[in-house]
């Protein structure tokens, strides 16, 4: 009957101490788990004896992953209907798809990530045989981009994976986790789904016997740790900016750079310069982390933060 189960409507941030609706956390966690399983499961609907980097395998996985990612907003919609959580923001705005503050959302998170990678970028610049002018010419050459777009691995690593993973694991999961766990906890909970989802690479390694069992296990643990930390960072960016584009660009950039080759830097002829750049990058990153992600730059408060059951400095300063 109408009135027996009043909707939990939110037109502004909930005040500290507001009660969380019964069952909300269970529904939120199960919805995220189902979404993560759907994303990973879509990679294995195609039976093939070919390795994951084969163009045929990549194309098939593009199809299934794009279908799941396209349907992922339905998970958020269904969650919202089941829990009766409401906001003044639209579903797309909650998922970081909006125009307000779009320019800062494109520039500042990516710039912040590049600052963190100052050491690897310095090492790349020192070792690169090209001059800066040569690099600009290549970047502006249509043939270069044509080659990139025809390379299935490049498309996967730089476009499809960043877009679909950030859409599913950040834009869809965080709106479901924030009302239950709060912004700070959601930042560290969301990456767990992201990290576990990457364990499917172990299947590939075992299947094609790419290394010893111990080596594969250590690789899986390292990858889980790295993806979990990275996931927390992009979740932080998503909550602070309220935009999907920033995490996607940062994800694409990090995929291009890879994990910093610190051991190589230690053996480099110009290691003092490179290691100093590593240290400077970390210091500047910590210094600019909050100013570059200040919610006031992106439309205050960000839509996803209006779901919080209590005020948080992550969302409102």
C-alpha atoms as a PDB file:
ATOM      1  CA  UNK A   1       0.000   0.000   0.000  1.00  0.00           C
ATOM      2  CA  UNK A   2       1.122   3.528  -0.691  1.00  0.00           C
ATOM      3  CA  UNK A   3       2.740   4.994   2.394  1.00  0.00           C
ATOM      4  CA  UNK A   4       3.863   1.663   3.865  1.00  0.00           C
ATOM      5  CA  UNK A   5       7.295   1.893   2.222  1.00  0.00           C
ATOM      6  CA  UNK A   6       8.067   5.594   1.718  1.00  0.00           C
ATOM      7  CA  UNK A   7      10.676   6.272  -0.984  1.00  0.00           C
ATOM      8  CA  UNK A   8      14.089   7.393   0.242  1.00  0.00           C
ATOM      9  CA  UNK A   9      14.214  10.629  -1.733  1.00  0.00           C
ATOM     10  CA  UNK A  10      17.309  12.792  -1.865  1.00  0.00           C
ATOM     11  CA  UNK A  11      17.231  16.226  -3.386  1.00  0.00           C
ATOM     12  CA  UNK A  12      20.290  17.375  -1.452  1.00  0.00           C
ATOM     13  CA  UNK A  13      23.082  15.678   0.523  1.00  0.00           C
ATOM     14  CA  UNK A  14      21.684  13.745   3.472  1.00  0.00           C
ATOM     15  CA  UNK A  15      22.542  15.056   6.889  1.00  0.00           C
ATOM     16  CA  UNK A  16      25.025  13.273   9.120  1.00  0.00           C
ATOM     17  CA  UNK A  17      23.383  10.477  11.074  1.00  0.00           C
ATOM     18  CA  UNK A  18      20.602   9.838   8.541  1.00  0.00           C
ATOM     19  CA  UNK A  19      19.479   6.227   8.606  1.00  0.00           C
ATOM     20  CA  UNK A  20      20.435   3.969   5.728  1.00  0.00           C
ATOM     21  CA  UNK A  21      17.367   2.135   4.339  1.00  0.00           C
ATOM     22  CA  UNK A  22      17.111  -1.495   5.449  1.00  0.00           C
ATOM     23  CA  UNK A  23      18.704  -3.907   3.015  1.00  0.00           C
ATOM     24  CA  UNK A  24      20.335  -1.168   0.958  1.00  0.00           C
ATOM     25  CA  UNK A  25      23.883  -2.451   1.500  1.00  0.00           C
ATOM     26  CA  UNK A  26      22.986  -6.004   0.569  1.00  0.00           C
ATOM     27  CA  UNK A  27      21.256  -4.903  -2.615  1.00  0.00           C
ATOM     28  CA  UNK A  28      24.154  -2.582  -3.483  1.00  0.00           C
ATOM     29  CA  UNK A  29      26.890  -5.181  -2.955  1.00  0.00           C
ATOM     30  CA  UNK A  30      24.986  -7.932  -4.766  1.00  0.00           C
ATOM     31  CA  UNK A  31      24.235  -5.590  -7.671  1.00  0.00           C
ATOM     32  CA  UNK A  32      27.936  -4.699  -7.971  1.00  0.00           C
ATOM     33  CA  UNK A  33      28.930  -8.354  -7.752  1.00  0.00           C
ATOM     34  CA  UNK A  34      26.439  -9.317 -10.450  1.00  0.00           C
ATOM     35  CA  UNK A  35      27.651  -6.496 -12.666  1.00  0.00           C
ATOM     36  CA  UNK A  36      31.302  -7.512 -12.208  1.00  0.00           C
ATOM     37  CA  UNK A  37      30.497 -11.155 -12.976  1.00  0.00           C
ATOM     38  CA  UNK A  38      28.547 -10.121 -16.071  1.00  0.00           C
ATOM     39  CA  UNK A  39      31.469  -8.065 -17.345  1.00  0.00           C
ATOM     40  CA  UNK A  40      34.069 -10.798 -16.805  1.00  0.00           C
ATOM     41  CA  UNK A  41      31.705 -13.550 -17.941  1.00  0.00           C
ATOM     42  CA  UNK A  42      31.126 -11.751 -21.238  1.00  0.00           C
ATOM     43  CA  UNK A  43      34.810 -12.304 -22.064  1.00  0.00           C
ATOM     44  CA  UNK A  44      34.337 -16.062 -22.011  1.00  0.00           C
ATOM     45  CA  UNK A  45      31.097 -16.546 -23.948  1.00  0.00           C
ATOM     46  CA  UNK A  46      33.264 -17.169 -27.016  1.00  0.00           C
ATOM     47  CA  UNK A  47      34.985 -20.552 -27.093  1.00  0.00           C
ATOM     48  CA  UNK A  48      38.397 -20.340 -28.673  1.00  0.00           C
ATOM     49  CA  UNK A  49      41.799 -22.009 -28.447  1.00  0.00           C
ATOM     50  CA  UNK A  50      43.487 -18.760 -29.447  1.00  0.00           C
ATOM     51  CA  UNK A  51      45.348 -16.514 -26.941  1.00  0.00           C
ATOM     52  CA  UNK A  52      43.755 -13.286 -25.658  1.00  0.00           C
ATOM     53  CA  UNK A  53      45.941 -11.059 -27.839  1.00  0.00           C
ATOM     54  CA  UNK A  54      44.825 -12.668 -31.090  1.00  0.00           C
ATOM     55  CA  UNK A  55      42.840 -10.135 -33.208  1.00  0.00           C
ATOM     56  CA  UNK A  56      39.913 -12.566 -33.585  1.00  0.00           C
ATOM     57  CA  UNK A  57      39.623 -13.031 -29.825  1.00  0.00           C
ATOM     58  CA  UNK A  58      39.890  -9.286 -29.238  1.00  0.00           C
ATOM     59  CA  UNK A  59      37.142  -8.503 -31.776  1.00  0.00           C
ATOM     60  CA  UNK A  60      34.773 -11.058 -30.260  1.00  0.00           C
ATOM     61  CA  UNK A  61      35.408  -9.762 -26.782  1.00  0.00           C
ATOM     62  CA  UNK A  62      34.826  -6.210 -27.981  1.00  0.00           C
ATOM     63  CA  UNK A  63      31.332  -7.264 -29.005  1.00  0.00           C
ATOM     64  CA  UNK A  64      30.368  -8.952 -25.731  1.00  0.00           C
ATOM     65  CA  UNK A  65      31.984  -6.339 -23.470  1.00  0.00           C
ATOM     66  CA  UNK A  66      30.362  -3.444 -25.335  1.00  0.00           C
ATOM     67  CA  UNK A  67      26.968  -5.154 -25.026  1.00  0.00           C
ATOM     68  CA  UNK A  68      27.374  -5.634 -21.254  1.00  0.00           C
ATOM     69  CA  UNK A  69      28.694  -2.090 -20.826  1.00  0.00           C
ATOM     70  CA  UNK A  70      25.797  -0.695 -22.854  1.00  0.00           C
ATOM     71  CA  UNK A  71      23.352  -2.528 -20.588  1.00  0.00           C
ATOM     72  CA  UNK A  72      25.190  -1.630 -17.352  1.00  0.00           C
ATOM     73  CA  UNK A  73      23.114   1.533 -16.688  1.00  0.00           C
ATOM     74  CA  UNK A  74      20.126  -0.801 -16.365  1.00  0.00           C
ATOM     75  CA  UNK A  75      21.775  -2.273 -13.268  1.00  0.00           C
ATOM     76  CA  UNK A  76      21.868   1.194 -11.683  1.00  0.00           C
ATOM     77  CA  UNK A  77      18.281   1.863 -12.747  1.00  0.00           C
ATOM     78  CA  UNK A  78      17.103  -1.488 -11.329  1.00  0.00           C
ATOM     79  CA  UNK A  79      19.051  -0.846  -8.103  1.00  0.00           C
ATOM     80  CA  UNK A  80      17.441   2.569  -7.763  1.00  0.00           C
ATOM     81  CA  UNK A  81      13.982   1.095  -8.281  1.00  0.00           C
ATOM     82  CA  UNK A  82      14.556  -1.711  -5.761  1.00  0.00           C
ATOM     83  CA  UNK A  83      15.952   0.576  -3.071  1.00  0.00           C
ATOM     84  CA  UNK A  84      13.701   3.561  -3.839  1.00  0.00           C
ATOM     85  CA  UNK A  85      16.732   5.875  -3.636  1.00  0.00           C
ATOM     86  CA  UNK A  86      16.019   9.121  -5.475  1.00  0.00           C
ATOM     87  CA  UNK A  87      17.978  12.278  -6.282  1.00  0.00           C
ATOM     88  CA  UNK A  88      17.317  15.438  -8.202  1.00  0.00           C
ATOM     89  CA  UNK A  89      20.134  14.415 -10.579  1.00  0.00           C
ATOM     90  CA  UNK A  90      19.404  12.243 -13.598  1.00  0.00           C
ATOM     91  CA  UNK A  91      20.685   8.688 -13.908  1.00  0.00           C
ATOM     92  CA  UNK A  92      23.273   9.758 -16.502  1.00  0.00           C
ATOM     93  CA  UNK A  93      24.486  12.594 -14.270  1.00  0.00           C
ATOM     94  CA  UNK A  94      24.955  10.163 -11.367  1.00  0.00           C
ATOM     95  CA  UNK A  95      27.088   8.074 -13.729  1.00  0.00           C
ATOM     96  CA  UNK A  96      29.281  11.066 -14.579  1.00  0.00           C
ATOM     97  CA  UNK A  97      27.847  11.701 -18.034  1.00  0.00           C
ATOM     98  CA  UNK A  98      27.139  15.443 -18.034  1.00  0.00           C
ATOM     99  CA  UNK A  99      28.387  18.703 -19.538  1.00  0.00           C
ATOM    100  CA  UNK A 100      28.845  20.931 -16.480  1.00  0.00           C
ATOM    101  CA  UNK A 101      32.561  21.220 -15.707  1.00  0.00           C
ATOM    102  CA  UNK A 102      33.508  19.025 -18.671  1.00  0.00           C
ATOM    103  CA  UNK A 103      36.635  21.001 -19.682  1.00  0.00           C
ATOM    104  CA  UNK A 104      38.297  20.878 -16.233  1.00  0.00           C
ATOM    105  CA  UNK A 105      37.283  17.204 -16.030  1.00  0.00           C
ATOM    106  CA  UNK A 106      39.211  16.502 -19.230  1.00  0.00           C
ATOM    107  CA  UNK A 107      42.311  18.528 -18.313  1.00  0.00           C
ATOM    108  CA  UNK A 108      43.010  18.361 -14.575  1.00  0.00           C
ATOM    109  CA  UNK A 109      42.735  14.620 -13.743  1.00  0.00           C
ATOM    110  CA  UNK A 110      44.902  13.704 -16.738  1.00  0.00           C
ATOM    111  CA  UNK A 111      47.435  16.417 -15.877  1.00  0.00           C
ATOM    112  CA  UNK A 112      47.503  15.197 -12.265  1.00  0.00           C
ATOM    113  CA  UNK A 113      48.208  11.638 -13.428  1.00  0.00           C
ATOM    114  CA  UNK A 114      50.967  12.838 -15.754  1.00  0.00           C
ATOM    115  CA  UNK A 115      52.551  14.643 -12.797  1.00  0.00           C
ATOM    116  CA  UNK A 116      52.566  11.358 -10.861  1.00  0.00           C
ATOM    117  CA  UNK A 117      54.314   9.724 -13.832  1.00  0.00           C
ATOM    118  CA  UNK A 118      56.912  12.484 -14.085  1.00  0.00           C
ATOM    119  CA  UNK A 119      59.742   9.994 -13.495  1.00  0.00           C
ATOM    120  CA  UNK A 120      58.705   7.511 -16.225  1.00  0.00           C
ATOM    121  CA  UNK A 121      57.966  10.419 -18.582  1.00  0.00           C
ATOM    122  CA  UNK A 122      61.434  11.853 -17.954  1.00  0.00           C
ATOM    123  CA  UNK A 123      63.010   8.452 -18.611  1.00  0.00           C
ATOM    124  CA  UNK A 124      60.949   8.106 -21.803  1.00  0.00           C
ATOM    125  CA  UNK A 125      62.023  11.574 -22.965  1.00  0.00           C
ATOM    126  CA  UNK A 126      65.707  10.825 -22.304  1.00  0.00           C
ATOM    127  CA  UNK A 127      65.633   7.476 -24.124  1.00  0.00           C
ATOM    128  CA  UNK A 128      63.424   8.595 -27.019  1.00  0.00           C
ATOM    129  CA  UNK A 129      65.416   9.303 -30.213  1.00  0.00           C
ATOM    130  CA  UNK A 130      62.793  11.786 -31.378  1.00  0.00           C
ATOM    131  CA  UNK A 131      62.896  15.508 -30.762  1.00  0.00           C
ATOM    132  CA  UNK A 132      59.857  17.314 -29.396  1.00  0.00           C
ATOM    133  CA  UNK A 133      59.081  18.608 -32.913  1.00  0.00           C
ATOM    134  CA  UNK A 134      59.207  15.069 -34.293  1.00  0.00           C
ATOM    135  CA  UNK A 135      56.760  13.922 -31.620  1.00  0.00           C
ATOM    136  CA  UNK A 136      54.299  16.708 -32.438  1.00  0.00           C
ATOM    137  CA  UNK A 137      54.505  15.864 -36.152  1.00  0.00           C
ATOM    138  CA  UNK A 138      53.743  12.204 -35.456  1.00  0.00           C
ATOM    139  CA  UNK A 139      50.851  13.097 -33.156  1.00  0.00           C
ATOM    140  CA  UNK A 140      49.327  15.281 -35.886  1.00  0.00           C
ATOM    141  CA  UNK A 141      49.876  12.725 -38.644  1.00  0.00           C
ATOM    142  CA  UNK A 142      46.576  11.052 -39.712  1.00  0.00           C
ATOM    143  CA  UNK A 143      48.520   7.969 -40.848  1.00  0.00           C
ATOM    144  CA  UNK A 144      49.760   7.425 -37.296  1.00  0.00           C
ATOM    145  CA  UNK A 145      46.226   7.422 -35.904  1.00  0.00           C
ATOM    146  CA  UNK A 146      45.028   5.242 -38.770  1.00  0.00           C
ATOM    147  CA  UNK A 147      47.613   2.632 -37.797  1.00  0.00           C
ATOM    148  CA  UNK A 148      46.613   2.864 -34.150  1.00  0.00           C
ATOM    149  CA  UNK A 149      42.914   2.436 -34.909  1.00  0.00           C
ATOM    150  CA  UNK A 150      43.632  -0.612 -37.060  1.00  0.00           C
ATOM    151  CA  UNK A 151      45.616  -2.266 -34.244  1.00  0.00           C
ATOM    152  CA  UNK A 152      43.216  -4.382 -32.142  1.00  0.00           C
ATOM    153  CA  UNK A 153      45.543  -4.441 -29.128  1.00  0.00           C
ATOM    154  CA  UNK A 154      45.884  -0.644 -29.173  1.00  0.00           C
ATOM    155  CA  UNK A 155      42.107  -0.242 -29.415  1.00  0.00           C
ATOM    156  CA  UNK A 156      41.625  -2.633 -26.503  1.00  0.00           C
ATOM    157  CA  UNK A 157      44.222  -1.070 -24.228  1.00  0.00           C
ATOM    158  CA  UNK A 158      43.681   2.601 -25.032  1.00  0.00           C
ATOM    159  CA  UNK A 159      39.984   2.845 -25.872  1.00  0.00           C
ATOM    160  CA  UNK A 160      37.674  -0.083 -25.174  1.00  0.00           C
ATOM    161  CA  UNK A 161      39.118  -1.314 -21.863  1.00  0.00           C
ATOM    162  CA  UNK A 162      39.391   2.164 -20.245  1.00  0.00           C
ATOM    163  CA  UNK A 163      35.925   3.202 -21.411  1.00  0.00           C
ATOM    164  CA  UNK A 164      34.055   0.018 -20.499  1.00  0.00           C
ATOM    165  CA  UNK A 165      35.881  -0.679 -17.241  1.00  0.00           C
ATOM    166  CA  UNK A 166      35.442   2.849 -15.922  1.00  0.00           C
ATOM    167  CA  UNK A 167      31.790   2.847 -16.980  1.00  0.00           C
ATOM    168  CA  UNK A 168      31.072  -0.461 -15.260  1.00  0.00           C
ATOM    169  CA  UNK A 169      33.384  -0.377 -12.240  1.00  0.00           C
ATOM    170  CA  UNK A 170      33.240   3.324 -11.409  1.00  0.00           C
ATOM    171  CA  UNK A 171      30.289   5.087 -13.048  1.00  0.00           C
ATOM    172  CA  UNK A 172      27.812   2.292 -12.295  1.00  0.00           C
ATOM    173  CA  UNK A 173      29.135   0.860  -9.037  1.00  0.00           C
ATOM    174  CA  UNK A 174      29.942   4.026  -7.086  1.00  0.00           C
ATOM    175  CA  UNK A 175      26.371   5.428  -7.211  1.00  0.00           C
ATOM    176  CA  UNK A 176      25.219   2.094  -5.746  1.00  0.00           C
ATOM    177  CA  UNK A 177      27.904   1.973  -3.034  1.00  0.00           C
ATOM    178  CA  UNK A 178      27.993   5.601  -1.838  1.00  0.00           C
ATOM    179  CA  UNK A 179      24.505   5.660  -0.178  1.00  0.00           C
ATOM    180  CA  UNK A 180      25.369   2.521   1.762  1.00  0.00           C
ATOM    181  CA  UNK A 181      29.062   2.823   2.578  1.00  0.00           C
ATOM    182  CA  UNK A 182      29.687   6.549   2.257  1.00  0.00           C
ATOM    183  CA  UNK A 183      32.193   8.206  -0.127  1.00  0.00           C
ATOM    184  CA  UNK A 184      35.410   7.282   1.697  1.00  0.00           C
ATOM    185  CA  UNK A 185      34.558   3.606   2.162  1.00  0.00           C
ATOM    186  CA  UNK A 186      33.157   3.349  -1.369  1.00  0.00           C
ATOM    187  CA  UNK A 187      36.492   4.530  -2.777  1.00  0.00           C
ATOM    188  CA  UNK A 188      38.218   1.503  -1.241  1.00  0.00           C
ATOM    189  CA  UNK A 189      35.347  -0.967  -1.706  1.00  0.00           C
ATOM    190  CA  UNK A 190      34.747  -0.368  -5.390  1.00  0.00           C
ATOM    191  CA  UNK A 191      38.311  -1.314  -6.458  1.00  0.00           C
ATOM    192  CA  UNK A 192      37.911  -4.750  -4.843  1.00  0.00           C
ATOM    193  CA  UNK A 193      35.416  -5.693  -7.546  1.00  0.00           C
ATOM    194  CA  UNK A 194      37.787  -4.224 -10.131  1.00  0.00           C
ATOM    195  CA  UNK A 195      40.809  -6.090  -8.772  1.00  0.00           C
ATOM    196  CA  UNK A 196      39.022  -9.438  -8.465  1.00  0.00           C
ATOM    197  CA  UNK A 197      37.692  -9.015 -12.004  1.00  0.00           C
ATOM    198  CA  UNK A 198      41.282  -8.982 -13.271  1.00  0.00           C
ATOM    199  CA  UNK A 199      41.946 -12.404 -11.773  1.00  0.00           C
ATOM    200  CA  UNK A 200      40.493 -13.880 -14.954  1.00  0.00           C
ATOM    201  CA  UNK A 201      43.926 -13.309 -16.520  1.00  0.00           C
ATOM    202  CA  UNK A 202      45.132 -16.204 -14.357  1.00  0.00           C
ATOM    203  CA  UNK A 203      42.873 -18.494 -16.393  1.00  0.00           C
ATOM    204  CA  UNK A 204      44.626 -17.372 -19.567  1.00  0.00           C
ATOM    205  CA  UNK A 205      48.096 -17.894 -18.069  1.00  0.00           C
ATOM    206  CA  UNK A 206      47.271 -21.354 -16.743  1.00  0.00           C
ATOM    207  CA  UNK A 207      45.495 -22.361 -19.914  1.00  0.00           C
ATOM    208  CA  UNK A 208      48.452 -21.548 -22.149  1.00  0.00           C
ATOM    209  CA  UNK A 209      51.059 -22.518 -19.498  1.00  0.00           C
ATOM    210  CA  UNK A 210      52.679 -19.103 -19.565  1.00  0.00           C
ATOM    211  CA  UNK A 211      54.978 -19.543 -16.568  1.00  0.00           C
ATOM    212  CA  UNK A 212      55.205 -21.627 -13.409  1.00  0.00           C
ATOM    213  CA  UNK A 213      52.295 -21.960 -10.988  1.00  0.00           C
ATOM    214  CA  UNK A 214      54.122 -19.905  -8.353  1.00  0.00           C
ATOM    215  CA  UNK A 215      55.020 -17.235 -10.913  1.00  0.00           C
ATOM    216  CA  UNK A 216      51.427 -17.019 -12.123  1.00  0.00           C
ATOM    217  CA  UNK A 217      50.163 -16.730  -8.548  1.00  0.00           C
ATOM    218  CA  UNK A 218      52.616 -13.933  -7.713  1.00  0.00           C
ATOM    219  CA  UNK A 219      51.685 -12.176 -10.944  1.00  0.00           C
ATOM    220  CA  UNK A 220      47.994 -12.400 -10.027  1.00  0.00           C
ATOM    221  CA  UNK A 221      48.619 -10.995  -6.526  1.00  0.00           C
ATOM    222  CA  UNK A 222      50.680  -8.131  -7.938  1.00  0.00           C
ATOM    223  CA  UNK A 223      48.064  -7.357 -10.596  1.00  0.00           C
ATOM    224  CA  UNK A 224      45.260  -7.422  -8.027  1.00  0.00           C
ATOM    225  CA  UNK A 225      47.189  -5.023  -5.768  1.00  0.00           C
ATOM    226  CA  UNK A 226      48.077  -2.653  -8.597  1.00  0.00           C
ATOM    227  CA  UNK A 227      44.566  -2.604 -10.092  1.00  0.00           C
ATOM    228  CA  UNK A 228      43.017  -2.129  -6.643  1.00  0.00           C
ATOM    229  CA  UNK A 229      45.228   0.903  -5.902  1.00  0.00           C
ATOM    230  CA  UNK A 230      44.596   2.312  -9.368  1.00  0.00           C
ATOM    231  CA  UNK A 231      40.860   1.658  -8.971  1.00  0.00           C
ATOM    232  CA  UNK A 232      40.825   3.591  -5.698  1.00  0.00           C
ATOM    233  CA  UNK A 233      42.534   6.507  -7.448  1.00  0.00           C
ATOM    234  CA  UNK A 234      40.043   6.664 -10.333  1.00  0.00           C
ATOM    235  CA  UNK A 235      37.166   6.198  -7.870  1.00  0.00           C
ATOM    236  CA  UNK A 236      38.514   9.203  -5.951  1.00  0.00           C
ATOM    237  CA  UNK A 237      38.624  11.208  -9.188  1.00  0.00           C
ATOM    238  CA  UNK A 238      35.097  10.156 -10.111  1.00  0.00           C
ATOM    239  CA  UNK A 239      33.669  11.162  -6.730  1.00  0.00           C
ATOM    240  CA  UNK A 240      35.525  14.474  -6.599  1.00  0.00           C
ATOM    241  CA  UNK A 241      34.805  15.537 -10.187  1.00  0.00           C
ATOM    242  CA  UNK A 242      31.493  13.791 -10.825  1.00  0.00           C
ATOM    243  CA  UNK A 243      32.661  12.999 -14.354  1.00  0.00           C
ATOM    244  CA  UNK A 244      33.397   9.751 -16.180  1.00  0.00           C
ATOM    245  CA  UNK A 245      35.756  11.297 -18.734  1.00  0.00           C
ATOM    246  CA  UNK A 246      38.574  11.975 -16.252  1.00  0.00           C
ATOM    247  CA  UNK A 247      38.917   8.370 -15.030  1.00  0.00           C
ATOM    248  CA  UNK A 248      38.706   7.091 -18.628  1.00  0.00           C
ATOM    249  CA  UNK A 249      41.545   9.343 -19.800  1.00  0.00           C
ATOM    250  CA  UNK A 250      43.679   8.496 -16.751  1.00  0.00           C
ATOM    251  CA  UNK A 251      43.043   4.791 -17.316  1.00  0.00           C
ATOM    252  CA  UNK A 252      44.065   5.052 -20.966  1.00  0.00           C
ATOM    253  CA  UNK A 253      47.208   6.995 -20.065  1.00  0.00           C
ATOM    254  CA  UNK A 254      48.232   4.481 -17.382  1.00  0.00           C
ATOM    255  CA  UNK A 255      47.660   1.590 -19.785  1.00  0.00           C
ATOM    256  CA  UNK A 256      50.009   3.302 -22.220  1.00  0.00           C
ATOM    257  CA  UNK A 257      52.694   3.994 -19.612  1.00  0.00           C
ATOM    258  CA  UNK A 258      52.475   0.657 -17.807  1.00  0.00           C
ATOM    259  CA  UNK A 259      53.874   0.072 -14.330  1.00  0.00           C
ATOM    260  CA  UNK A 260      56.893   2.339 -13.653  1.00  0.00           C
ATOM    261  CA  UNK A 261      60.147   0.526 -14.462  1.00  0.00           C
ATOM    262  CA  UNK A 262      61.940   1.534 -11.272  1.00  0.00           C
ATOM    263  CA  UNK A 263      64.568  -1.224 -11.600  1.00  0.00           C
ATOM    264  CA  UNK A 264      65.492   0.084 -15.049  1.00  0.00           C
ATOM    265  CA  UNK A 265      65.709   3.613 -13.686  1.00  0.00           C
ATOM    266  CA  UNK A 266      68.170   2.449 -11.004  1.00  0.00           C
ATOM    267  CA  UNK A 267      70.489   1.141 -13.715  1.00  0.00           C
ATOM    268  CA  UNK A 268      70.091   4.090 -16.081  1.00  0.00           C
ATOM    269  CA  UNK A 269      73.183   6.229 -16.848  1.00  0.00           C
ATOM    270  CA  UNK A 270      71.178   9.310 -15.841  1.00  0.00           C
ATOM    271  CA  UNK A 271      69.536   7.655 -12.850  1.00  0.00           C
ATOM    272  CA  UNK A 272      70.011  10.691 -10.583  1.00  0.00           C
ATOM    273  CA  UNK A 273      67.924  12.863 -12.910  1.00  0.00           C
ATOM    274  CA  UNK A 274      65.300  10.164 -13.392  1.00  0.00           C
ATOM    275  CA  UNK A 275      65.017   9.213  -9.717  1.00  0.00           C
ATOM    276  CA  UNK A 276      64.784  12.889  -8.787  1.00  0.00           C
ATOM    277  CA  UNK A 277      61.927  13.174 -11.273  1.00  0.00           C
ATOM    278  CA  UNK A 278      60.223  10.192  -9.641  1.00  0.00           C
ATOM    279  CA  UNK A 279      60.445  11.851  -6.234  1.00  0.00           C
ATOM    280  CA  UNK A 280      59.395  15.268  -7.521  1.00  0.00           C
ATOM    281  CA  UNK A 281      56.433  13.703  -9.326  1.00  0.00           C
ATOM    282  CA  UNK A 282      55.157  12.035  -6.156  1.00  0.00           C
ATOM    283  CA  UNK A 283      55.573  15.244  -4.098  1.00  0.00           C
ATOM    284  CA  UNK A 284      53.802  17.391  -6.700  1.00  0.00           C
ATOM    285  CA  UNK A 285      51.055  14.770  -7.088  1.00  0.00           C
ATOM    286  CA  UNK A 286      50.309  14.860  -3.360  1.00  0.00           C
ATOM    287  CA  UNK A 287      50.430  18.660  -3.382  1.00  0.00           C
ATOM    288  CA  UNK A 288      47.985  19.037  -6.297  1.00  0.00           C
ATOM    289  CA  UNK A 289      45.750  16.030  -5.528  1.00  0.00           C
ATOM    290  CA  UNK A 290      43.008  17.961  -3.774  1.00  0.00           C
ATOM    291  CA  UNK A 291      43.301  21.350  -5.557  1.00  0.00           C
ATOM    292  CA  UNK A 292      43.081  19.720  -9.014  1.00  0.00           C
ATOM    293  CA  UNK A 293      40.046  17.675  -7.968  1.00  0.00           C
ATOM    294  CA  UNK A 294      38.230  20.400  -6.018  1.00  0.00           C
ATOM    295  CA  UNK A 295      34.484  19.730  -6.580  1.00  0.00           C
ATOM    296  CA  UNK A 296      33.847  23.463  -7.029  1.00  0.00           C
ATOM    297  CA  UNK A 297      35.641  23.234 -10.392  1.00  0.00           C
ATOM    298  CA  UNK A 298      33.194  20.658 -11.684  1.00  0.00           C
ATOM    299  CA  UNK A 299      29.801  21.773 -10.375  1.00  0.00           C
ATOM    300  CA  UNK A 300      29.250  21.655  -6.626  1.00  0.00           C
ATOM    301  CA  UNK A 301      28.200  19.273  -5.226  1.00  0.00           C
ATOM    302  CA  UNK A 302      28.897  16.508  -7.736  1.00  0.00           C
ATOM    303  CA  UNK A 303      25.766  14.420  -8.494  1.00  0.00           C
ATOM    304  CA  UNK A 304      27.084  11.156  -7.041  1.00  0.00           C
ATOM    305  CA  UNK A 305      27.935  12.922  -3.780  1.00  0.00           C
ATOM    306  CA  UNK A 306      24.296  13.903  -3.263  1.00  0.00           C
ATOM    307  CA  UNK A 307      23.718  10.210  -2.546  1.00  0.00           C
ATOM    308  CA  UNK A 308      25.949  10.282   0.539  1.00  0.00           C
ATOM    309  CA  UNK A 309      24.135   9.639   3.827  1.00  0.00           C
ATOM    310  CA  UNK A 310      26.485  12.052   5.604  1.00  0.00           C
ATOM    311  CA  UNK A 311      28.725  14.951   4.671  1.00  0.00           C
ATOM    312  CA  UNK A 312      32.266  14.067   3.660  1.00  0.00           C
ATOM    313  CA  UNK A 313      35.316  16.227   3.031  1.00  0.00           C
ATOM    314  CA  UNK A 314      35.970  14.118  -0.082  1.00  0.00           C
ATOM    315  CA  UNK A 315      32.805  15.466  -1.670  1.00  0.00           C
ATOM    316  CA  UNK A 316      32.374  18.896  -0.201  1.00  0.00           C
ATOM    317  CA  UNK A 317      35.790  20.594   0.001  1.00  0.00           C
END
